């Protein structure tokens, strides 16, 4: 590896304090090659901290206290400086592919060896992609394939059961960039209690259990694109 002119500034985003502590020790142990410049434990803090620090590399968990960090990925890389390495326990391949489509330059699982994490941060900083060849192939195909007419969708009856208000809530959740329930309720002009009731109904109808799963379902079935 080429020596860097200045330490690679790394922002760590994870909702588990122990994980943040371990990653901080690991990365600061690589000084002067790299150093931790900040940490965040939720989507809102990640967006704000990234905007103020413009770190070189952001190590991002996808599930932040039940909120989907896929929502904020485009914002994290919008400064044209920061690059994202996803470090997650998520094993659903579609979710990992979506992370790449949303702008991640690297995707790793949390059981990866420590040295692999360090190498990935440096490689992504140097402009490389740290994504397995199969994922790159799927993402490239999705970006270039001609869309074919969809076959009968077994999920159609689930989606058809949604009310207009529930569809509006789904659109707001997907566009919410990891916002809290309080912020979402304010956008929808409802109370948090009413929002929670609506979300419970939506989860039951679609067979999901939290906002992360709802986000993935909505993107996969293009619920966020439905206009009325």
Protein backbone atom coordinates (compact mmCIF):
# COMPACT_ATOMS: atom_id res chain seq x y z
CA UNK A 1 0.00 0.00 0.00
CA UNK A 2 1.15 3.56 -0.78
CA UNK A 3 1.71 5.75 2.29
CA UNK A 4 -1.00 8.39 2.66
CA UNK A 5 -0.16 12.11 2.82
CA UNK A 6 -2.44 12.54 5.84
CA UNK A 7 -4.38 10.12 8.02
CA UNK A 8 -7.54 8.75 6.40
CA UNK A 9 -10.37 10.33 8.39
CA UNK A 10 -12.96 7.69 9.31
CA UNK A 11 -16.50 8.24 10.60
CA UNK A 12 -18.00 5.22 12.38
CA UNK A 13 -21.78 4.76 12.31
CA UNK A 14 -23.21 1.94 14.45
CA UNK A 15 -25.90 1.79 17.14
CA UNK A 16 -23.91 -0.59 19.34
CA UNK A 17 -21.49 1.16 21.71
CA UNK A 18 -19.29 -1.92 22.02
CA UNK A 19 -18.91 -2.13 18.23
CA UNK A 20 -18.00 1.57 18.06
CA UNK A 21 -15.42 1.08 20.80
CA UNK A 22 -13.85 -1.93 19.11
CA UNK A 23 -13.70 -0.28 15.69
CA UNK A 24 -12.25 2.90 17.19
CA UNK A 25 -9.48 0.93 18.89
CA UNK A 26 -8.80 -1.00 15.67
CA UNK A 27 -8.61 2.06 13.41
CA UNK A 28 -6.74 4.36 15.80
CA UNK A 29 -4.21 1.54 16.18
CA UNK A 30 -3.35 2.12 12.50
CA UNK A 31 -2.25 5.74 13.10
CA UNK A 32 -0.76 7.58 11.21
CA UNK A 33 -2.37 5.79 8.26
CA UNK A 34 -5.90 6.45 9.49
CA UNK A 35 -7.79 7.82 12.47
CA UNK A 36 -11.37 8.04 13.74
CA UNK A 37 -12.68 11.59 13.30
CA UNK A 38 -16.18 10.97 14.65
CA UNK A 39 -18.90 8.50 15.57
CA UNK A 40 -22.69 8.40 15.18
CA UNK A 41 -25.34 6.02 16.49
CA UNK A 42 -28.42 6.93 14.44
CA UNK A 43 -29.33 8.02 10.91
CA UNK A 44 -29.91 11.67 11.80
CA UNK A 45 -26.57 11.98 13.62
CA UNK A 46 -24.78 10.21 10.76
CA UNK A 47 -26.09 12.69 8.19
CA UNK A 48 -25.32 15.72 10.39
CA UNK A 49 -21.85 14.52 11.41
CA UNK A 50 -20.92 13.59 7.86
CA UNK A 51 -22.01 17.00 6.63
CA UNK A 52 -19.92 18.82 9.24
CA UNK A 53 -16.78 16.64 9.07
CA UNK A 54 -16.73 15.46 5.42
CA UNK A 55 -14.80 12.31 6.44
CA UNK A 56 -12.77 10.41 3.87
CA UNK A 57 -14.45 7.08 4.66
CA UNK A 58 -17.69 6.27 6.50
CA UNK A 59 -18.01 2.78 8.01
CA UNK A 60 -21.76 2.25 8.13
CA UNK A 61 -24.03 -0.34 9.73
CA UNK A 62 -27.29 -0.80 7.79
CA UNK A 63 -29.60 -1.36 10.74
CA UNK A 64 -29.51 1.62 13.09
CA UNK A 65 -31.91 1.07 15.97
CA UNK A 66 -34.50 -0.46 13.63
CA UNK A 67 -34.11 2.28 11.01
CA UNK A 68 -32.81 1.53 7.53
CA UNK A 69 -29.51 3.27 6.77
CA UNK A 70 -29.99 2.59 3.05
CA UNK A 71 -32.21 5.67 3.14
CA UNK A 72 -29.32 7.99 4.06
CA UNK A 73 -26.58 6.49 1.89
CA UNK A 74 -27.03 8.97 -1.01
CA UNK A 75 -26.81 11.88 1.46
CA UNK A 76 -23.62 10.52 3.03
CA UNK A 77 -21.81 10.47 -0.33
CA UNK A 78 -23.31 13.67 -1.74
CA UNK A 79 -20.34 15.81 -0.67
CA UNK A 80 -18.13 14.15 -3.33
CA UNK A 81 -15.48 13.50 -0.67
CA UNK A 82 -16.82 10.74 1.56
CA UNK A 83 -16.92 7.11 0.50
CA UNK A 84 -18.92 4.46 2.33
CA UNK A 85 -17.93 1.01 3.49
CA UNK A 86 -20.95 -0.94 4.73
CA UNK A 87 -20.12 -3.17 7.72
CA UNK A 88 -23.23 -5.12 8.62
CA UNK A 89 -24.66 -8.32 10.06
CA UNK A 90 -27.27 -8.29 7.28
CA UNK A 91 -27.14 -11.44 5.13
CA UNK A 92 -30.01 -10.75 2.71
CA UNK A 93 -28.19 -10.41 -0.61
CA UNK A 94 -30.78 -8.06 -2.09
CA UNK A 95 -30.20 -5.62 0.76
CA UNK A 96 -26.43 -5.69 0.22
CA UNK A 97 -26.91 -5.12 -3.51
CA UNK A 98 -29.16 -2.14 -2.74
CA UNK A 99 -26.37 -0.67 -0.62
CA UNK A 100 -24.10 -0.69 -3.68
CA UNK A 101 -26.85 0.78 -5.86
CA UNK A 102 -27.29 3.54 -3.27
CA UNK A 103 -23.60 4.48 -3.39
CA UNK A 104 -21.56 2.18 -1.10
CA UNK A 105 -18.04 1.46 -2.38
CA UNK A 106 -17.48 -1.49 -0.07
CA UNK A 107 -19.68 -4.13 1.57
CA UNK A 108 -18.47 -6.33 4.41
CA UNK A 109 -20.06 -8.50 7.06
CA UNK A 110 -19.33 -7.93 10.72
CA UNK A 111 -17.61 -11.30 11.06
CA UNK A 112 -14.87 -10.19 8.64
CA UNK A 113 -11.28 -10.34 10.01
CA UNK A 114 -9.96 -7.10 11.48
CA UNK A 115 -7.22 -6.76 8.87
CA UNK A 116 -9.78 -7.10 6.09
CA UNK A 117 -11.73 -4.17 7.55
CA UNK A 118 -8.57 -2.02 7.64
CA UNK A 119 -7.62 -3.02 4.10
CA UNK A 120 -11.10 -2.24 2.80
CA UNK A 121 -11.08 1.24 4.32
CA UNK A 122 -7.74 1.99 2.67
CA UNK A 123 -8.72 0.49 -0.67
CA UNK A 124 -12.02 2.39 -0.81
CA UNK A 125 -10.18 5.60 0.14
CA UNK A 126 -7.83 4.93 -2.80
CA UNK A 127 -10.78 4.66 -5.19
CA UNK A 128 -11.23 0.89 -5.35
CA UNK A 129 -14.44 -1.11 -5.04
CA UNK A 130 -14.51 -3.68 -2.25
CA UNK A 131 -17.52 -5.66 -3.43
CA UNK A 132 -17.53 -9.31 -4.47
CA UNK A 133 -17.70 -10.06 -8.19
CA UNK A 134 -21.15 -11.67 -7.97
CA UNK A 135 -22.65 -8.54 -6.40
CA UNK A 136 -21.01 -6.31 -9.00
CA UNK A 137 -22.46 -8.55 -11.72
CA UNK A 138 -25.99 -8.33 -10.30
CA UNK A 139 -25.78 -4.56 -9.83
CA UNK A 140 -24.40 -4.04 -13.34
CA UNK A 141 -27.19 -6.20 -14.77
CA UNK A 142 -29.85 -4.27 -12.87
CA UNK A 143 -28.46 -0.95 -14.10
CA UNK A 144 -28.27 -2.01 -17.74
CA UNK A 145 -31.01 -4.61 -18.27
CA UNK A 146 -34.08 -3.71 -20.28
CA UNK A 147 -37.06 -3.94 -17.97
CA UNK A 148 -39.40 -6.76 -18.96
CA UNK A 149 -43.14 -6.80 -18.27
CA UNK A 150 -43.70 -8.14 -14.78
CA UNK A 151 -45.28 -11.53 -14.31
CA UNK A 152 -48.20 -12.03 -11.98
CA UNK A 153 -47.09 -10.76 -8.60
CA UNK A 154 -47.98 -13.03 -5.65
CA UNK A 155 -47.58 -10.01 -3.38
CA UNK A 156 -50.23 -8.04 -5.26
CA UNK A 157 -53.01 -8.93 -2.81
CA UNK A 158 -50.87 -7.74 0.12
CA UNK A 159 -50.27 -4.38 -1.54
CA UNK A 160 -53.89 -4.08 -2.63
CA UNK A 161 -54.96 -4.30 1.02
CA UNK A 162 -53.13 -1.07 1.86
CA UNK A 163 -55.25 2.02 2.37
CA UNK A 164 -54.42 5.35 0.76
CA UNK A 165 -53.21 6.65 4.15
CA UNK A 166 -50.97 3.61 4.63
CA UNK A 167 -49.44 4.16 1.19
CA UNK A 168 -48.79 7.78 2.11
CA UNK A 169 -47.07 6.63 5.30
CA UNK A 170 -44.90 4.17 3.37
CA UNK A 171 -43.84 6.93 0.97
CA UNK A 172 -42.97 9.16 3.92
CA UNK A 173 -40.98 6.39 5.66
CA UNK A 174 -38.97 5.64 2.51
CA UNK A 175 -38.26 9.34 1.92
CA UNK A 176 -37.59 9.99 5.60
CA UNK A 177 -33.81 9.44 5.55
CA UNK A 178 -33.89 7.59 8.87
CA UNK A 179 -36.04 10.21 10.58
CA UNK A 180 -37.53 9.45 13.99
CA UNK A 181 -41.17 8.48 14.43
CA UNK A 182 -41.76 11.92 15.94
CA UNK A 183 -40.42 13.65 12.81
CA UNK A 184 -42.40 11.36 10.50
CA UNK A 185 -45.59 11.95 12.48
CA UNK A 186 -45.08 15.70 12.15
CA UNK A 187 -44.70 15.40 8.37
CA UNK A 188 -47.91 13.35 8.21
CA UNK A 189 -49.81 15.66 10.60
CA UNK A 190 -50.66 12.77 12.94
CA UNK A 191 -49.66 11.88 16.49
CA UNK A 192 -46.84 9.39 17.18
CA UNK A 193 -49.44 7.03 18.66
CA UNK A 194 -51.50 7.17 15.45
CA UNK A 195 -48.36 6.63 13.35
CA UNK A 196 -47.40 3.57 15.40
CA UNK A 197 -50.88 2.13 14.92
CA UNK A 198 -50.66 2.66 11.16
CA UNK A 199 -47.19 1.09 11.04
CA UNK A 200 -48.42 -1.94 13.00
CA UNK A 201 -51.23 -2.40 10.46
CA UNK A 202 -48.80 -2.00 7.54
CA UNK A 203 -46.34 -4.51 9.05
CA UNK A 204 -49.14 -7.08 9.46
CA UNK A 205 -50.46 -6.60 5.93
CA UNK A 206 -47.03 -6.82 4.26
CA UNK A 207 -45.52 -9.47 6.53
CA UNK A 208 -42.63 -7.31 7.76
CA UNK A 209 -41.59 -6.56 11.33
CA UNK A 210 -39.80 -3.18 11.38
CA UNK A 211 -38.94 -0.08 9.35
CA UNK A 212 -35.81 -1.65 7.84
CA UNK A 213 -37.85 -4.54 6.43
CA UNK A 214 -40.59 -2.13 5.34
CA UNK A 215 -38.07 0.00 3.46
CA UNK A 216 -36.61 -3.03 1.66
CA UNK A 217 -40.10 -4.32 0.81
CA UNK A 218 -41.23 -0.90 -0.46
CA UNK A 219 -38.18 -0.47 -2.71
CA UNK A 220 -38.36 -4.04 -4.00
CA UNK A 221 -42.07 -3.73 -4.88
CA UNK A 222 -41.81 -0.06 -5.90
CA UNK A 223 -44.39 1.04 -3.36
CA UNK A 224 -42.53 4.32 -2.97
CA UNK A 225 -43.08 5.01 -6.69
CA UNK A 226 -46.85 4.48 -6.68
CA UNK A 227 -48.69 7.73 -7.31
CA UNK A 228 -52.39 8.37 -6.68
